[in-house]
Amino acid sequence: MKTMSPTFLLTRFQGAVLAMMLLLTACGGGVGPVSPTDSSDAAIAAAVKLGYGDCNTDNYLMTSQFHVLLCTGAVNGQLFALFFQGATYVGKNADAPSGKLEVIWRQPETVALLYGLYRPGDQLCCPTAGASVVRYQLKGSQVLALDPLPSQKDLMPR
């Protein structure tokens, strides 16, 4: 009688999952006081507590201590960039809301925001007066605008 040794077969998916688990374990993934989800969740909770609505975490760079959330203000369509050091709120981009606001690039301690600029009669979706880029940098526990902000009257439709 032929004896067979037990075999261990994995599907490609199971193999990929196993490889990822081994990699995360070897690199210390999932270990530590704050996971990326916890950090962004804490920042969103802080934004809500400050009175802001929906927040976009697409630019919440986990490899840095300087984070940015684009959040709506009290009125739909009003956007603000909220800055965080870790999960601690350290400031916002401006006192006035913007109708069109995007993160266009970032480095660990610097972020560049693109402001859409509006002419009289423009709709919220479609600013026609061009755009302005403003860089923000984390210095200690403060956020500084490195470039002049656009005029408040140009940031929203009128």
Protein backbone atom coordinates (compact mmCIF):
# COMPACT_ATOMS: atom_id res chain seq x y z
CA MET A 1 0.00 0.00 0.00
CA LYS A 2 1.26 3.40 -0.96
CA THR A 3 1.24 6.02 1.80
CA MET A 4 0.58 9.59 0.89
CA SER A 5 1.87 12.52 2.80
CA PRO A 6 -0.66 15.23 3.55
CA THR A 7 -0.62 18.02 1.02
CA PHE A 8 -1.38 21.63 1.57
CA LEU A 9 -3.09 23.26 -1.40
CA LEU A 10 -3.92 26.94 -1.62
CA THR A 11 -5.89 28.80 -4.20
CA ARG A 12 -4.23 31.89 -5.65
CA PHE A 13 -6.48 34.10 -3.53
CA GLN A 14 -5.67 32.19 -0.33
CA GLY A 15 -1.97 32.36 -1.20
CA ALA A 16 -2.18 36.11 -1.75
CA VAL A 17 -4.01 36.60 1.55
CA LEU A 18 -1.44 34.47 3.37
CA ALA A 19 1.44 36.38 1.78
CA MET A 20 -0.12 39.73 2.77
CA MET A 21 -0.67 38.55 6.34
CA LEU A 22 2.96 37.40 6.58
CA LEU A 23 4.19 40.69 5.14
CA LEU A 24 2.08 42.75 7.55
CA THR A 25 3.23 40.66 10.48
CA ALA A 26 6.88 40.98 9.48
CA CYS A 27 6.54 44.76 9.02
CA GLY A 28 4.59 45.35 12.21
CA GLY A 29 1.34 46.11 10.38
CA GLY A 30 -1.66 46.48 12.62
CA VAL A 31 0.51 47.02 15.69
CA GLY A 32 0.51 50.34 17.48
CA PRO A 33 -1.73 52.75 19.28
CA VAL A 34 -3.45 54.31 16.25
CA SER A 35 -4.23 52.56 13.01
CA PRO A 36 -4.74 54.60 9.81
CA THR A 37 -8.50 54.11 10.01
CA ASP A 38 -8.55 55.20 13.66
CA SER A 39 -6.53 58.31 12.82
CA SER A 40 -8.75 59.43 9.93
CA ASP A 41 -11.88 58.50 11.91
CA ALA A 42 -10.66 60.67 14.81
CA ALA A 43 -9.97 63.56 12.41
CA ILE A 44 -13.45 63.23 10.87
CA ALA A 45 -14.99 63.17 14.36
CA ALA A 46 -13.08 66.37 15.20
CA ALA A 47 -14.32 67.99 11.95
CA VAL A 48 -17.93 67.07 12.75
CA LYS A 49 -17.52 68.45 16.29
CA LEU A 50 -16.29 71.72 14.74
CA GLY A 51 -19.48 71.88 12.65
CA TYR A 52 -18.29 70.56 9.30
CA GLY A 53 -20.17 67.97 7.25
CA ASP A 54 -19.04 65.40 4.73
CA CYS A 55 -15.28 64.98 4.63
CA ASN A 56 -13.19 63.46 1.87
CA THR A 57 -10.28 61.34 3.14
CA ASP A 58 -8.68 60.77 -0.28
CA ASN A 59 -5.81 63.12 0.63
CA TYR A 60 -5.40 61.96 4.21
CA LEU A 61 -1.80 60.80 3.70
CA MET A 62 -1.09 58.12 6.29
CA THR A 63 2.70 58.22 5.86
CA SER A 64 2.82 61.75 7.23
CA GLN A 65 1.81 63.49 10.44
CA PHE A 66 0.35 66.39 8.40
CA HIS A 67 -3.10 65.56 7.07
CA VAL A 68 -5.76 67.42 5.12
CA LEU A 69 -9.49 66.74 4.90
CA LEU A 70 -11.73 68.52 2.41
CA CYS A 71 -15.04 69.05 4.23
CA THR A 72 -18.32 70.80 3.54
CA GLY A 73 -19.39 73.76 5.62
CA ALA A 74 -22.81 74.56 7.01
CA VAL A 75 -24.24 75.07 3.50
CA ASN A 76 -23.88 72.41 0.82
CA GLY A 77 -21.26 73.37 -1.73
CA GLN A 78 -19.12 75.31 0.71
CA LEU A 79 -15.73 73.62 0.99
CA PHE A 80 -12.97 74.01 3.54
CA ALA A 81 -9.62 72.28 3.91
CA LEU A 82 -9.07 71.21 7.51
CA PHE A 83 -5.53 70.47 8.61
CA PHE A 84 -4.49 67.93 11.23
CA GLN A 85 -1.25 67.00 12.92
CA GLY A 86 -1.85 63.32 13.56
CA ALA A 87 -5.52 63.34 14.61
CA THR A 88 -5.28 66.82 16.22
CA TYR A 89 -6.96 69.71 14.40
CA VAL A 90 -4.44 72.52 13.74
CA GLY A 91 -6.33 74.86 11.41
CA LYS A 92 -8.22 75.47 8.20
CA ASN A 93 -7.33 76.99 4.87
CA ALA A 94 -9.45 80.15 5.15
CA ASP A 95 -12.29 81.80 7.01
CA ALA A 96 -14.37 81.99 3.83
CA PRO A 97 -15.64 78.86 2.07
CA SER A 98 -14.68 77.86 -1.46
CA GLY A 99 -16.94 76.46 -4.16
CA LYS A 100 -14.17 74.56 -5.94
CA LEU A 101 -11.22 73.29 -3.89
CA GLU A 102 -8.81 70.45 -4.64
CA VAL A 103 -5.57 69.07 -3.28
CA ILE A 104 -3.21 69.05 -6.27
CA TRP A 105 0.02 67.87 -4.65
CA ARG A 106 1.49 67.25 -1.28
CA GLN A 107 4.70 66.46 0.54
CA PRO A 108 5.01 65.23 4.14
CA GLU A 109 4.71 68.76 5.62
CA THR A 110 3.34 70.78 2.70
CA VAL A 111 0.10 70.65 0.72
CA ALA A 112 -0.98 72.67 -2.34
CA LEU A 113 -4.63 73.57 -2.79
CA LEU A 114 -6.18 74.65 -6.08
CA TYR A 115 -8.97 77.22 -5.71
CA GLY A 116 -11.47 77.63 -8.54
CA LEU A 117 -12.21 81.34 -9.10
CA TYR A 118 -15.69 82.64 -9.93
CA ARG A 119 -16.99 85.51 -12.02
CA PRO A 120 -20.42 87.04 -11.44
CA GLY A 121 -23.08 84.68 -12.82
CA ASP A 122 -20.95 81.50 -12.62
CA GLN A 123 -22.61 78.35 -11.33
CA LEU A 124 -21.10 76.42 -8.40
CA CYS A 125 -19.97 73.62 -10.71
CA CYS A 126 -18.18 75.82 -13.17
CA PRO A 127 -15.86 78.64 -12.13
CA THR A 128 -14.68 80.55 -15.22
CA ALA A 129 -12.18 83.07 -13.78
CA GLY A 130 -9.30 80.60 -13.68
CA ALA A 131 -7.66 79.11 -10.62
CA SER A 132 -5.17 79.94 -7.92
CA VAL A 133 -2.71 77.65 -6.12
CA VAL A 134 -1.91 78.19 -2.45
CA ARG A 135 0.64 76.10 -0.57
CA TYR A 136 0.22 75.38 3.13
CA GLN A 137 2.98 74.16 5.41
CA LEU A 138 3.00 72.67 8.88
CA LYS A 139 5.43 74.58 11.11
CA GLY A 140 5.49 73.13 14.61
CA SER A 141 1.80 72.92 15.49
CA GLN A 142 0.67 75.74 13.16
CA VAL A 143 -0.29 75.78 9.48
CA LEU A 144 1.05 78.68 7.43
CA ALA A 145 -0.12 79.81 3.99
CA LEU A 146 3.01 80.21 1.87
CA ASP A 147 1.19 82.06 -0.92
CA PRO A 148 -1.45 84.81 -0.90
CA LEU A 149 -5.06 83.63 -0.68
CA PRO A 150 -7.44 84.53 -3.51
CA SER A 151 -9.92 87.31 -2.86
CA GLN A 152 -12.88 86.11 -0.79
CA LYS A 153 -15.35 87.41 -3.40
CA ASP A 154 -13.82 85.10 -6.04
CA LEU A 155 -14.11 81.87 -4.00
CA MET A 156 -17.89 81.33 -4.34
CA PRO A 157 -20.48 82.06 -7.04
CA ARG A 158 -22.14 85.45 -6.70
